[in-house]
């Protein structure tokens, strides 16, 4: 999937979950054709009597794996890459849940990747490339309705910018001038669930694509 298609997919998800609308055609007696818009997961007629919702702030911290920033390392003619070593990304987010279905916030990630490059002729180590990344993303979480207050499945979408520090060195420790800059676009789309473990503390797990594939950590409700 190329970047343009991925951006279109994320944008479509954002629009769908913000509007969360279903449009249908009806015929009214003596009125003719028209339309109605139904919002929400269920009609109000089928909604149970719920207590008033109180907005709250949540802070989350976790560790993702693998660090997909390794795919931002370039390829070179006459050299092949070795196994990449990585840290993170380490994830932190602050989210404000303003209604039962949605929260908005800021998500920050940090991670590093390093990868050796070898000569095709002889297989000797030629140089090593490394990336140090910080990303800052607007974060939207859409919560799915469930009967239990202790289990909260959700869809997370986030989009923002990358800040990079890249370095390439040869075997003698000399810096190499490598053209090109990794993508400034940062994004993440994940399906997750938060389990309440005690008071206002929860454990969350996510699976998705962008900065990481799997993520786990703790969340705190304020």
N, C-alpha and C. Protein backbone atom coordinates (compact mmCIF):
# COMPACT_ATOMS: atom_id res chain seq x y z
N UNK A 1 0.85 -1.19 0.00
CA UNK A 1 0.00 0.00 0.00
C UNK A 1 0.88 1.24 0.00
N UNK A 2 0.73 2.16 -1.02
CA UNK A 2 1.57 3.35 -1.05
C UNK A 2 1.05 4.40 -0.09
N UNK A 3 1.85 5.47 0.10
CA UNK A 3 1.53 6.47 1.10
C UNK A 3 0.23 7.20 0.78
N UNK A 4 -0.02 7.48 -0.52
CA UNK A 4 -1.23 8.19 -0.87
C UNK A 4 -2.48 7.41 -0.50
N UNK A 5 -2.47 6.08 -0.77
CA UNK A 5 -3.62 5.25 -0.42
C UNK A 5 -3.79 5.16 1.09
N UNK A 6 -2.67 5.10 1.82
CA UNK A 6 -2.74 4.99 3.27
C UNK A 6 -3.31 6.27 3.88
N UNK A 7 -2.87 7.42 3.37
CA UNK A 7 -3.40 8.70 3.86
C UNK A 7 -4.89 8.79 3.58
N UNK A 8 -5.32 8.34 2.39
CA UNK A 8 -6.74 8.36 2.04
C UNK A 8 -7.53 7.46 2.97
N UNK A 9 -6.98 6.28 3.31
CA UNK A 9 -7.66 5.36 4.21
C UNK A 9 -7.83 5.97 5.59
N UNK A 10 -6.76 6.55 6.14
CA UNK A 10 -6.84 7.15 7.46
C UNK A 10 -7.83 8.31 7.48
N UNK A 11 -7.80 9.15 6.43
CA UNK A 11 -8.74 10.26 6.35
C UNK A 11 -10.18 9.78 6.30
N UNK A 12 -10.42 8.70 5.54
CA UNK A 12 -11.77 8.14 5.45
C UNK A 12 -12.24 7.62 6.80
N UNK A 13 -11.33 6.96 7.54
CA UNK A 13 -11.69 6.47 8.87
C UNK A 13 -12.05 7.62 9.80
N UNK A 14 -11.28 8.70 9.74
CA UNK A 14 -11.56 9.85 10.57
C UNK A 14 -12.94 10.43 10.27
N UNK A 15 -13.22 10.61 8.99
CA UNK A 15 -14.51 11.17 8.60
C UNK A 15 -15.65 10.25 9.02
N UNK A 16 -15.49 8.94 8.82
CA UNK A 16 -16.54 7.98 9.14
C UNK A 16 -16.86 7.97 10.63
N UNK A 17 -15.84 7.95 11.45
CA UNK A 17 -16.09 7.83 12.88
C UNK A 17 -16.48 9.16 13.52
N UNK A 18 -16.15 10.27 12.89
CA UNK A 18 -16.62 11.55 13.41
C UNK A 18 -18.11 11.72 13.11
N UNK A 19 -18.48 11.47 11.89
CA UNK A 19 -19.89 11.63 11.53
C UNK A 19 -20.74 10.49 12.05
N UNK A 20 -20.25 9.24 11.88
CA UNK A 20 -20.96 8.05 12.37
C UNK A 20 -22.43 8.10 11.98
N UNK A 21 -22.70 8.36 10.73
CA UNK A 21 -24.08 8.59 10.29
C UNK A 21 -24.50 7.53 9.30
N UNK A 22 -25.81 7.26 9.28
CA UNK A 22 -26.42 6.38 8.30
C UNK A 22 -27.54 7.16 7.65
N UNK A 23 -27.57 7.18 6.32
CA UNK A 23 -28.58 7.93 5.59
C UNK A 23 -29.49 6.96 4.88
N UNK A 24 -30.79 7.15 5.00
CA UNK A 24 -31.74 6.25 4.36
C UNK A 24 -32.81 7.03 3.61
N UNK A 25 -33.45 6.38 2.66
CA UNK A 25 -34.51 6.99 1.86
C UNK A 25 -35.86 6.53 2.41
N UNK A 26 -36.83 7.44 2.49
CA UNK A 26 -38.16 7.06 2.93
C UNK A 26 -39.21 7.76 2.09
N UNK A 27 -40.41 7.26 2.14
CA UNK A 27 -41.55 7.87 1.46
C UNK A 27 -42.55 8.28 2.52
N UNK A 28 -42.86 9.54 2.62
CA UNK A 28 -43.83 10.03 3.59
C UNK A 28 -45.19 10.17 2.94
N UNK A 29 -46.25 9.73 3.62
CA UNK A 29 -47.59 9.79 3.02
C UNK A 29 -47.99 11.23 2.73
N UNK A 30 -48.30 11.45 1.45
CA UNK A 30 -48.75 12.76 1.04
C UNK A 30 -47.63 13.78 0.95
N UNK A 31 -46.37 13.33 1.19
CA UNK A 31 -45.27 14.29 1.18
C UNK A 31 -44.33 14.02 0.01
N UNK A 32 -44.12 12.76 -0.34
CA UNK A 32 -43.22 12.43 -1.42
C UNK A 32 -41.92 11.88 -0.87
N UNK A 33 -40.89 11.92 -1.68
CA UNK A 33 -39.60 11.36 -1.28
C UNK A 33 -38.84 12.33 -0.38
N UNK A 34 -38.02 11.73 0.47
CA UNK A 34 -37.20 12.54 1.37
C UNK A 34 -36.08 11.70 1.95
N UNK A 35 -35.44 12.17 2.96
CA UNK A 35 -34.37 11.40 3.58
C UNK A 35 -34.33 11.72 5.07
N UNK A 36 -33.70 10.82 5.81
CA UNK A 36 -33.45 11.07 7.22
C UNK A 36 -32.03 10.64 7.54
N UNK A 37 -31.46 11.24 8.56
CA UNK A 37 -30.11 10.91 9.01
C UNK A 37 -30.20 10.35 10.41
N UNK A 38 -29.59 9.16 10.58
CA UNK A 38 -29.57 8.50 11.89
C UNK A 38 -28.15 8.46 12.39
N UNK A 39 -27.88 9.03 13.55
CA UNK A 39 -26.54 9.08 14.10
C UNK A 39 -26.43 8.16 15.30
N UNK A 40 -25.19 7.68 15.50
CA UNK A 40 -24.94 6.84 16.67
C UNK A 40 -24.97 5.39 16.33
N UNK A 41 -24.51 4.54 17.24
CA UNK A 41 -24.46 3.11 17.02
C UNK A 41 -25.85 2.49 17.10
N UNK A 42 -26.73 3.08 17.93
CA UNK A 42 -28.08 2.58 18.08
C UNK A 42 -29.03 3.76 18.12
N UNK A 43 -30.28 3.51 17.76
CA UNK A 43 -31.26 4.57 17.85
C UNK A 43 -31.55 4.87 19.31
N UNK A 44 -32.01 6.08 19.57
CA UNK A 44 -32.31 6.45 20.95
C UNK A 44 -33.40 5.57 21.54
N UNK A 45 -34.31 5.10 20.72
CA UNK A 45 -35.39 4.26 21.19
C UNK A 45 -34.86 2.96 21.79
N UNK A 46 -33.70 2.48 21.25
CA UNK A 46 -33.13 1.23 21.73
C UNK A 46 -32.04 1.42 22.77
N UNK A 47 -31.71 2.68 23.09
CA UNK A 47 -30.65 2.94 24.05
C UNK A 47 -31.14 2.64 25.47
N UNK A 48 -30.31 1.96 26.28
CA UNK A 48 -30.68 1.78 27.69
C UNK A 48 -30.56 3.10 28.44
N UNK A 49 -31.19 3.17 29.60
CA UNK A 49 -31.08 4.36 30.44
C UNK A 49 -29.69 4.39 31.06
N UNK A 50 -28.86 5.33 30.62
CA UNK A 50 -27.48 5.43 31.08
C UNK A 50 -27.34 6.62 32.02
N UNK A 51 -26.44 6.53 32.99
CA UNK A 51 -26.20 7.68 33.87
C UNK A 51 -25.53 8.80 33.08
N UNK A 52 -25.62 10.03 33.57
CA UNK A 52 -24.99 11.15 32.86
C UNK A 52 -23.49 10.91 32.69
N UNK A 53 -22.98 11.27 31.53
CA UNK A 53 -21.56 11.07 31.25
C UNK A 53 -20.75 12.25 31.77
N UNK A 54 -19.64 11.96 32.44
CA UNK A 54 -18.75 12.99 32.93
C UNK A 54 -17.45 12.95 32.13
N UNK A 55 -17.12 14.01 31.40
CA UNK A 55 -15.85 14.04 30.65
C UNK A 55 -14.65 13.88 31.58
N UNK A 56 -13.59 13.28 31.04
CA UNK A 56 -12.40 13.08 31.86
C UNK A 56 -11.15 13.08 30.98
N UNK A 57 -10.01 13.22 31.65
CA UNK A 57 -8.70 13.21 30.99
C UNK A 57 -8.01 11.89 31.29
N UNK A 58 -7.37 11.32 30.29
CA UNK A 58 -6.61 10.10 30.50
C UNK A 58 -5.18 10.28 29.98
N UNK A 59 -4.23 9.69 30.70
CA UNK A 59 -2.82 9.70 30.31
C UNK A 59 -2.38 8.25 30.13
N UNK A 60 -1.75 7.96 29.00
CA UNK A 60 -1.33 6.59 28.69
C UNK A 60 0.15 6.56 28.38
N UNK A 61 0.79 5.47 28.73
CA UNK A 61 2.21 5.25 28.41
C UNK A 61 2.40 3.79 28.06
N UNK A 62 3.16 3.52 26.99
CA UNK A 62 3.33 2.13 26.57
C UNK A 62 4.56 1.94 25.70
N UNK A 63 4.73 0.70 25.27
CA UNK A 63 5.88 0.33 24.44
C UNK A 63 5.38 -0.43 23.22
N UNK A 64 5.81 0.01 22.05
CA UNK A 64 5.37 -0.61 20.80
C UNK A 64 6.44 -1.51 20.21
N UNK A 65 5.98 -2.46 19.39
CA UNK A 65 6.91 -3.39 18.73
C UNK A 65 6.27 -3.92 17.45
N UNK A 66 7.04 -4.06 16.38
CA UNK A 66 8.41 -3.55 16.21
C UNK A 66 8.39 -2.08 15.87
N UNK A 67 9.55 -1.47 15.87
CA UNK A 67 9.68 -0.07 15.46
C UNK A 67 9.68 -0.02 13.93
N UNK A 68 8.58 0.42 13.36
CA UNK A 68 8.45 0.41 11.90
C UNK A 68 9.21 1.55 11.23
N UNK A 69 9.90 2.38 12.01
CA UNK A 69 10.77 3.40 11.41
C UNK A 69 11.93 2.78 10.65
N UNK A 70 12.20 1.48 10.88
CA UNK A 70 13.30 0.84 10.16
C UNK A 70 13.07 0.86 8.64
N UNK A 71 11.80 0.95 8.23
CA UNK A 71 11.51 1.00 6.80
C UNK A 71 11.83 2.36 6.19
N UNK A 72 12.19 3.34 7.05
CA UNK A 72 12.61 4.65 6.54
C UNK A 72 14.10 4.69 6.20
N UNK A 73 14.84 3.64 6.61
CA UNK A 73 16.25 3.57 6.21
C UNK A 73 16.34 3.31 4.71
N UNK A 74 17.23 4.00 4.00
CA UNK A 74 17.28 3.88 2.54
C UNK A 74 17.97 2.61 2.08
N UNK A 75 17.76 2.29 0.81
CA UNK A 75 18.46 1.19 0.14
C UNK A 75 19.55 1.78 -0.75
N UNK A 76 20.61 1.01 -0.95
CA UNK A 76 21.75 1.49 -1.73
C UNK A 76 22.15 0.46 -2.77
N UNK A 77 22.53 0.97 -3.91
CA UNK A 77 23.03 0.10 -4.99
C UNK A 77 24.38 -0.49 -4.57
N UNK A 78 24.57 -1.78 -4.81
CA UNK A 78 25.79 -2.53 -4.49
C UNK A 78 25.98 -2.80 -2.99
N UNK A 79 24.95 -2.49 -2.18
CA UNK A 79 25.01 -2.80 -0.75
C UNK A 79 23.70 -3.47 -0.34
N UNK A 80 23.78 -4.38 0.61
CA UNK A 80 22.55 -4.99 1.12
C UNK A 80 22.49 -4.80 2.64
N UNK A 81 21.29 -4.60 3.18
CA UNK A 81 21.16 -4.31 4.61
C UNK A 81 21.25 -5.56 5.47
N UNK A 82 21.80 -5.40 6.67
CA UNK A 82 21.82 -6.48 7.66
C UNK A 82 20.61 -6.39 8.57
N UNK A 83 20.66 -7.10 9.67
CA UNK A 83 19.56 -7.10 10.63
C UNK A 83 19.55 -5.78 11.41
N UNK A 84 18.36 -5.19 11.51
CA UNK A 84 18.23 -3.91 12.21
C UNK A 84 18.07 -4.14 13.71
N UNK A 85 18.69 -3.28 14.49
CA UNK A 85 18.46 -3.24 15.93
C UNK A 85 17.59 -2.03 16.23
N UNK A 86 16.75 -2.12 17.27
CA UNK A 86 15.78 -1.07 17.49
C UNK A 86 15.44 -0.90 18.96
N UNK A 87 14.97 0.27 19.28
CA UNK A 87 14.41 0.57 20.59
C UNK A 87 13.07 1.24 20.39
N UNK A 88 12.06 0.75 21.09
CA UNK A 88 10.74 1.37 20.99
C UNK A 88 10.01 1.02 19.72
N UNK A 89 9.02 1.88 19.43
CA UNK A 89 8.85 3.21 20.00
C UNK A 89 8.20 3.20 21.38
N UNK A 90 8.63 4.15 22.21
CA UNK A 90 7.98 4.42 23.48
C UNK A 90 6.85 5.42 23.22
N UNK A 91 5.66 5.13 23.73
CA UNK A 91 4.47 5.91 23.40
C UNK A 91 3.95 6.63 24.63
N UNK A 92 3.55 7.88 24.47
CA UNK A 92 2.84 8.61 25.51
C UNK A 92 1.71 9.40 24.87
N UNK A 93 0.55 9.44 25.52
CA UNK A 93 -0.57 10.19 24.96
C UNK A 93 -1.40 10.80 26.08
N UNK A 94 -1.97 11.96 25.79
CA UNK A 94 -2.91 12.64 26.67
C UNK A 94 -4.20 12.83 25.87
N UNK A 95 -5.31 12.29 26.39
CA UNK A 95 -6.58 12.31 25.66
C UNK A 95 -7.69 12.84 26.54
N UNK A 96 -8.54 13.67 25.94
CA UNK A 96 -9.72 14.20 26.63
C UNK A 96 -10.96 13.54 26.05
N UNK A 97 -11.63 12.75 26.87
CA UNK A 97 -12.85 12.08 26.43
C UNK A 97 -14.04 12.98 26.76
N UNK A 98 -14.61 13.59 25.72
CA UNK A 98 -15.65 14.58 25.92
C UNK A 98 -17.05 14.01 25.80
N UNK A 99 -17.20 12.78 25.27
CA UNK A 99 -18.50 12.10 25.29
C UNK A 99 -18.27 10.60 25.34
N UNK A 100 -19.34 9.82 25.33
CA UNK A 100 -19.20 8.37 25.49
C UNK A 100 -18.48 7.73 24.32
N UNK A 101 -18.52 8.34 23.16
CA UNK A 101 -18.03 7.68 21.96
C UNK A 101 -16.65 8.11 21.51
N UNK A 102 -16.14 9.22 22.01
CA UNK A 102 -14.93 9.76 21.38
C UNK A 102 -14.07 10.55 22.35
N UNK A 103 -12.76 10.51 22.08
CA UNK A 103 -11.81 11.39 22.77
C UNK A 103 -10.80 11.91 21.76
N UNK A 104 -10.24 13.07 22.07
CA UNK A 104 -9.21 13.70 21.23
C UNK A 104 -8.01 14.02 22.11
N UNK A 105 -6.82 13.98 21.51
CA UNK A 105 -5.64 14.27 22.30
C UNK A 105 -4.38 14.37 21.47
N UNK A 106 -3.25 14.28 22.15
CA UNK A 106 -1.94 14.36 21.53
C UNK A 106 -1.16 13.10 21.86
N UNK A 107 -0.52 12.53 20.85
CA UNK A 107 0.26 11.30 20.99
C UNK A 107 1.70 11.59 20.58
N UNK A 108 2.65 11.19 21.44
CA UNK A 108 4.08 11.41 21.18
C UNK A 108 4.78 10.06 21.21
N UNK A 109 5.66 9.81 20.24
CA UNK A 109 6.44 8.57 20.21
C UNK A 109 7.92 8.89 20.07
N UNK A 110 8.75 7.97 20.58
CA UNK A 110 10.20 8.11 20.41
C UNK A 110 10.81 6.72 20.24
N UNK A 111 11.69 6.60 19.26
CA UNK A 111 12.35 5.33 19.02
C UNK A 111 13.61 5.51 18.18
N UNK A 112 14.47 4.50 18.20
CA UNK A 112 15.69 4.51 17.40
C UNK A 112 15.84 3.19 16.66
N UNK A 113 16.44 3.25 15.48
CA UNK A 113 16.76 2.05 14.72
C UNK A 113 18.17 2.20 14.16
N UNK A 114 18.87 1.07 14.02
CA UNK A 114 20.22 1.06 13.48
C UNK A 114 20.38 -0.18 12.61
N UNK A 115 21.10 -0.02 11.49
CA UNK A 115 21.21 -1.12 10.54
C UNK A 115 22.55 -1.08 9.81
N UNK A 116 23.29 -2.19 9.78
CA UNK A 116 24.54 -2.23 9.01
C UNK A 116 24.26 -2.49 7.52
N UNK A 117 25.20 -2.06 6.70
CA UNK A 117 25.12 -2.31 5.25
C UNK A 117 26.40 -3.04 4.83
N UNK A 118 26.24 -4.04 3.95
CA UNK A 118 27.36 -4.88 3.53
C UNK A 118 27.57 -4.78 2.03
N UNK A 119 28.84 -4.94 1.62
CA UNK A 119 29.16 -4.99 0.20
C UNK A 119 28.65 -6.29 -0.42
N UNK A 120 28.07 -6.18 -1.60
CA UNK A 120 27.66 -7.39 -2.32
C UNK A 120 28.88 -8.23 -2.69
N UNK A 121 29.96 -7.55 -3.03
CA UNK A 121 31.19 -8.26 -3.37
C UNK A 121 32.04 -8.43 -2.13
N UNK A 122 32.08 -9.62 -1.59
CA UNK A 122 32.89 -9.89 -0.42
C UNK A 122 32.11 -9.94 0.88
N UNK A 123 30.97 -9.26 0.96
CA UNK A 123 30.13 -9.32 2.14
C UNK A 123 30.66 -8.61 3.36
N UNK A 124 31.66 -7.73 3.19
CA UNK A 124 32.22 -7.02 4.35
C UNK A 124 31.32 -5.86 4.74
N UNK A 125 31.39 -5.50 6.02
CA UNK A 125 30.60 -4.37 6.51
C UNK A 125 31.16 -3.08 5.93
N UNK A 126 30.29 -2.31 5.26
CA UNK A 126 30.73 -1.08 4.62
C UNK A 126 30.45 0.14 5.49
N UNK A 127 29.24 0.25 6.01
CA UNK A 127 28.88 1.38 6.87
C UNK A 127 27.60 1.03 7.63
N UNK A 128 27.22 1.90 8.55
CA UNK A 128 26.05 1.68 9.40
C UNK A 128 25.17 2.93 9.36
N UNK A 129 23.87 2.72 9.24
CA UNK A 129 22.93 3.82 9.25
C UNK A 129 22.04 3.75 10.49
N UNK A 130 21.70 4.91 11.04
CA UNK A 130 20.83 4.95 12.22
C UNK A 130 19.86 6.11 12.12
N UNK A 131 18.69 5.92 12.74
CA UNK A 131 17.65 6.95 12.78
C UNK A 131 17.18 7.12 14.22
N UNK A 132 17.08 8.37 14.63
CA UNK A 132 16.51 8.72 15.92
C UNK A 132 15.26 9.54 15.64
N UNK A 133 14.10 9.07 16.11
CA UNK A 133 12.84 9.68 15.71
C UNK A 133 12.00 10.12 16.90
N UNK A 134 11.43 11.32 16.77
CA UNK A 134 10.33 11.79 17.61
C UNK A 134 9.16 12.08 16.69
N UNK A 135 7.96 11.66 17.09
CA UNK A 135 6.78 11.99 16.30
C UNK A 135 5.74 12.64 17.21
N UNK A 136 4.97 13.56 16.63
CA UNK A 136 3.92 14.28 17.34
C UNK A 136 2.65 14.19 16.49
N UNK A 137 1.62 13.55 17.06
CA UNK A 137 0.42 13.26 16.28
C UNK A 137 -0.84 13.67 17.02
N UNK A 138 -1.80 14.23 16.28
CA UNK A 138 -3.15 14.40 16.80
C UNK A 138 -3.80 13.03 16.88
N UNK A 139 -4.42 12.76 18.01
CA UNK A 139 -4.86 11.41 18.36
C UNK A 139 -6.38 11.41 18.55
N UNK A 140 -7.10 10.52 17.84
CA UNK A 140 -8.54 10.38 18.02
C UNK A 140 -8.86 8.93 18.37
N UNK A 141 -9.62 8.74 19.44
CA UNK A 141 -10.04 7.41 19.87
C UNK A 141 -11.56 7.34 19.79
N UNK A 142 -12.06 6.32 19.10
CA UNK A 142 -13.50 6.09 18.97
C UNK A 142 -13.84 4.83 19.73
N UNK A 143 -14.67 4.96 20.77
CA UNK A 143 -14.99 3.84 21.65
C UNK A 143 -16.19 3.06 21.14
N UNK A 144 -16.13 1.75 21.25
CA UNK A 144 -17.22 0.88 20.83
C UNK A 144 -18.11 0.56 22.02
N UNK A 145 -19.42 0.53 21.83
CA UNK A 145 -20.34 0.28 22.95
C UNK A 145 -20.26 -1.17 23.43
N UNK A 146 -20.10 -1.36 24.74
CA UNK A 146 -20.10 -2.67 25.37
C UNK A 146 -20.88 -2.59 26.66
N UNK A 147 -21.29 -3.75 27.17
CA UNK A 147 -22.09 -3.79 28.38
C UNK A 147 -21.25 -3.57 29.64
N UNK A 148 -19.97 -3.91 29.60
CA UNK A 148 -19.11 -3.83 30.78
C UNK A 148 -18.38 -2.50 30.85
N UNK A 149 -18.34 -1.91 32.05
CA UNK A 149 -17.58 -0.69 32.26
C UNK A 149 -16.10 -0.95 32.46
N UNK A 150 -15.72 -2.22 32.63
CA UNK A 150 -14.32 -2.58 32.88
C UNK A 150 -13.55 -2.94 31.61
N UNK A 151 -14.25 -3.06 30.48
CA UNK A 151 -13.62 -3.40 29.21
C UNK A 151 -14.05 -2.37 28.17
N UNK A 152 -13.08 -1.70 27.56
CA UNK A 152 -13.39 -0.64 26.59
C UNK A 152 -12.64 -0.90 25.28
N UNK A 153 -13.28 -1.55 24.30
CA UNK A 153 -12.65 -1.66 22.98
C UNK A 153 -12.74 -0.33 22.24
N UNK A 154 -11.76 -0.07 21.36
CA UNK A 154 -11.73 1.23 20.70
C UNK A 154 -10.93 1.14 19.40
N UNK A 155 -11.11 2.17 18.58
CA UNK A 155 -10.31 2.36 17.37
C UNK A 155 -9.52 3.65 17.52
N UNK A 156 -8.20 3.55 17.37
CA UNK A 156 -7.34 4.73 17.47
C UNK A 156 -6.84 5.11 16.08
N UNK A 157 -6.95 6.39 15.74
CA UNK A 157 -6.33 6.92 14.53
C UNK A 157 -5.55 8.16 14.92
N UNK A 158 -4.36 8.29 14.36
CA UNK A 158 -3.50 9.43 14.70
C UNK A 158 -2.71 9.84 13.46
N UNK A 159 -2.48 11.13 13.33
CA UNK A 159 -1.71 11.63 12.20
C UNK A 159 -0.99 12.90 12.63
N UNK A 160 0.26 13.05 12.15
CA UNK A 160 1.05 14.21 12.55
C UNK A 160 2.37 14.28 11.80
N UNK A 161 3.44 14.66 12.50
CA UNK A 161 4.73 14.90 11.85
C UNK A 161 5.83 14.13 12.56
N UNK A 162 6.88 13.82 11.80
CA UNK A 162 8.09 13.19 12.30
C UNK A 162 9.21 14.21 12.43
N UNK A 163 10.04 14.04 13.45
CA UNK A 163 11.29 14.79 13.58
C UNK A 163 12.42 13.77 13.60
N UNK A 164 13.37 13.89 12.65
CA UNK A 164 14.39 12.88 12.46
C UNK A 164 15.79 13.39 12.76
N UNK A 165 16.61 12.51 13.28
CA UNK A 165 18.06 12.71 13.30
C UNK A 165 18.67 11.45 12.70
N UNK A 166 19.27 11.57 11.52
CA UNK A 166 19.84 10.40 10.86
C UNK A 166 21.36 10.53 10.79
N UNK A 167 22.00 9.36 10.83
CA UNK A 167 23.46 9.35 10.86
C UNK A 167 23.97 8.10 10.13
N UNK A 168 24.98 8.29 9.30
CA UNK A 168 25.61 7.18 8.58
C UNK A 168 27.12 7.28 8.80
N UNK A 169 27.72 6.21 9.28
CA UNK A 169 29.16 6.21 9.57
C UNK A 169 29.83 4.98 8.94
N UNK A 170 31.07 5.15 8.51
CA UNK A 170 31.81 4.01 7.97
C UNK A 170 32.52 3.29 9.12
N UNK A 171 33.32 2.27 8.78
CA UNK A 171 33.99 1.47 9.80
C UNK A 171 35.01 2.26 10.62
N UNK A 172 35.48 3.36 10.06
CA UNK A 172 36.43 4.19 10.79
C UNK A 172 35.76 5.24 11.66
N UNK A 173 34.43 5.25 11.71
CA UNK A 173 33.71 6.23 12.51
C UNK A 173 33.51 7.56 11.83
N UNK A 174 33.81 7.64 10.53
CA UNK A 174 33.65 8.89 9.79
C UNK A 174 32.20 9.04 9.32
N UNK A 175 31.68 10.26 9.45
CA UNK A 175 30.32 10.52 9.00
C UNK A 175 30.26 10.57 7.48
N UNK A 176 29.20 9.96 6.94
CA UNK A 176 28.98 9.94 5.50
C UNK A 176 27.83 10.88 5.16
N UNK A 177 27.97 11.58 4.06
CA UNK A 177 26.91 12.48 3.60
C UNK A 177 25.96 11.70 2.69
N UNK A 178 24.85 11.24 3.27
CA UNK A 178 23.87 10.45 2.53
C UNK A 178 22.69 11.34 2.17
N UNK A 179 22.37 11.51 0.87
CA UNK A 179 21.25 12.37 0.48
C UNK A 179 19.91 11.73 0.85
N UNK A 180 18.91 12.59 0.96
CA UNK A 180 17.57 12.10 1.24
C UNK A 180 17.19 12.25 2.70
N UNK A 181 15.90 12.47 2.92
CA UNK A 181 15.36 12.64 4.27
C UNK A 181 14.16 11.70 4.41
N UNK A 182 14.02 10.99 5.54
CA UNK A 182 12.84 10.14 5.74
C UNK A 182 11.55 10.96 5.71
N UNK A 183 10.43 10.27 5.62
CA UNK A 183 9.13 10.94 5.50
C UNK A 183 8.80 11.75 6.75
N UNK A 184 8.26 12.94 6.52
CA UNK A 184 7.82 13.77 7.63
C UNK A 184 6.42 13.39 8.12
N UNK A 185 5.72 12.56 7.37
CA UNK A 185 4.37 12.16 7.76
C UNK A 185 4.43 11.06 8.80
N UNK A 186 3.77 11.27 9.94
CA UNK A 186 3.64 10.26 10.99
C UNK A 186 2.16 9.87 11.09
N UNK A 187 1.89 8.57 11.25
CA UNK A 187 0.50 8.12 11.33
C UNK A 187 0.43 6.81 12.10
N UNK A 188 -0.76 6.50 12.58
CA UNK A 188 -1.02 5.23 13.25
C UNK A 188 -2.52 4.95 13.18
N UNK A 189 -2.87 3.71 12.88
CA UNK A 189 -4.26 3.25 12.91
C UNK A 189 -4.27 1.92 13.64
N UNK A 190 -5.03 1.81 14.73
CA UNK A 190 -4.98 0.62 15.57
C UNK A 190 -6.35 0.27 16.13
N UNK A 191 -6.53 -1.00 16.39
CA UNK A 191 -7.70 -1.51 17.11
C UNK A 191 -7.20 -1.97 18.47
N UNK A 192 -7.83 -1.50 19.56
CA UNK A 192 -7.34 -1.82 20.89
C UNK A 192 -8.44 -2.07 21.89
N UNK A 193 -8.02 -2.43 23.10
CA UNK A 193 -8.96 -2.65 24.20
C UNK A 193 -8.26 -2.25 25.50
N UNK A 194 -9.01 -1.59 26.38
CA UNK A 194 -8.52 -1.16 27.67
C UNK A 194 -9.24 -1.94 28.76
N UNK A 195 -8.47 -2.58 29.65
CA UNK A 195 -9.02 -3.36 30.75
C UNK A 195 -8.79 -2.61 32.06
N UNK A 196 -9.87 -2.32 32.78
CA UNK A 196 -9.74 -1.69 34.09
C UNK A 196 -9.22 -2.71 35.09
N UNK A 197 -8.15 -2.35 35.82
CA UNK A 197 -7.57 -3.30 36.77
C UNK A 197 -7.77 -2.85 38.22
N UNK A 198 -7.79 -1.54 38.48
CA UNK A 198 -8.00 -1.05 39.84
C UNK A 198 -8.26 0.44 39.81
N UNK A 199 -9.37 0.87 40.43
CA UNK A 199 -9.66 2.29 40.49
C UNK A 199 -9.68 2.93 39.12
N UNK A 200 -8.80 3.90 38.92
CA UNK A 200 -8.71 4.62 37.65
C UNK A 200 -7.52 4.17 36.81
N UNK A 201 -7.02 2.98 37.06
CA UNK A 201 -5.86 2.44 36.34
C UNK A 201 -6.30 1.32 35.42
N UNK A 202 -5.79 1.31 34.20
CA UNK A 202 -6.12 0.28 33.23
C UNK A 202 -4.90 -0.20 32.47
N UNK A 203 -5.04 -1.36 31.87
CA UNK A 203 -4.04 -1.91 30.95
C UNK A 203 -4.63 -1.91 29.55
N UNK A 204 -3.86 -1.44 28.57
CA UNK A 204 -4.38 -1.43 27.20
C UNK A 204 -3.46 -2.21 26.27
N UNK A 205 -4.07 -2.81 25.25
CA UNK A 205 -3.37 -3.55 24.21
C UNK A 205 -3.90 -3.08 22.86
N UNK A 206 -2.99 -2.93 21.88
CA UNK A 206 -3.38 -2.48 20.55
C UNK A 206 -2.67 -3.29 19.48
N UNK A 207 -3.33 -3.41 18.34
CA UNK A 207 -2.72 -3.99 17.15
C UNK A 207 -3.06 -3.07 15.97
N UNK A 208 -2.06 -2.70 15.19
CA UNK A 208 -2.32 -1.79 14.08
C UNK A 208 -1.09 -1.60 13.22
N UNK A 209 -1.03 -0.45 12.54
CA UNK A 209 0.08 -0.19 11.63
C UNK A 209 0.35 1.30 11.59
N UNK A 210 1.63 1.65 11.46
CA UNK A 210 2.06 3.04 11.38
C UNK A 210 3.42 3.17 12.03
N UNK A 211 3.44 3.49 13.32
CA UNK A 211 4.69 3.54 14.08
C UNK A 211 5.03 2.18 14.70
N UNK A 212 4.04 1.33 14.86
CA UNK A 212 4.22 0.01 15.48
C UNK A 212 3.11 -0.91 15.01
N UNK A 213 3.27 -2.22 15.29
CA UNK A 213 2.23 -3.21 15.00
C UNK A 213 1.51 -3.62 16.28
N UNK A 214 2.26 -3.83 17.37
CA UNK A 214 1.68 -4.19 18.66
C UNK A 214 2.11 -3.16 19.70
N UNK A 215 1.19 -2.87 20.62
CA UNK A 215 1.46 -1.89 21.68
C UNK A 215 0.78 -2.34 22.96
N UNK A 216 1.47 -2.18 24.08
CA UNK A 216 0.89 -2.46 25.38
C UNK A 216 1.35 -1.43 26.39
N UNK A 217 0.52 -1.16 27.40
CA UNK A 217 0.91 -0.19 28.40
C UNK A 217 -0.15 0.06 29.44
N UNK A 218 0.01 1.14 30.19
CA UNK A 218 -0.89 1.51 31.28
C UNK A 218 -1.60 2.82 30.94
N UNK A 219 -2.82 2.96 31.45
CA UNK A 219 -3.57 4.20 31.29
C UNK A 219 -4.07 4.65 32.66
N UNK A 220 -4.16 5.97 32.83
CA UNK A 220 -4.60 6.56 34.10
C UNK A 220 -5.70 7.57 33.81
N UNK A 221 -6.80 7.45 34.52
CA UNK A 221 -7.96 8.29 34.33
C UNK A 221 -7.99 9.38 35.39
N UNK A 222 -8.22 10.64 34.98
CA UNK A 222 -8.26 11.74 35.92
C UNK A 222 -9.58 12.53 35.76
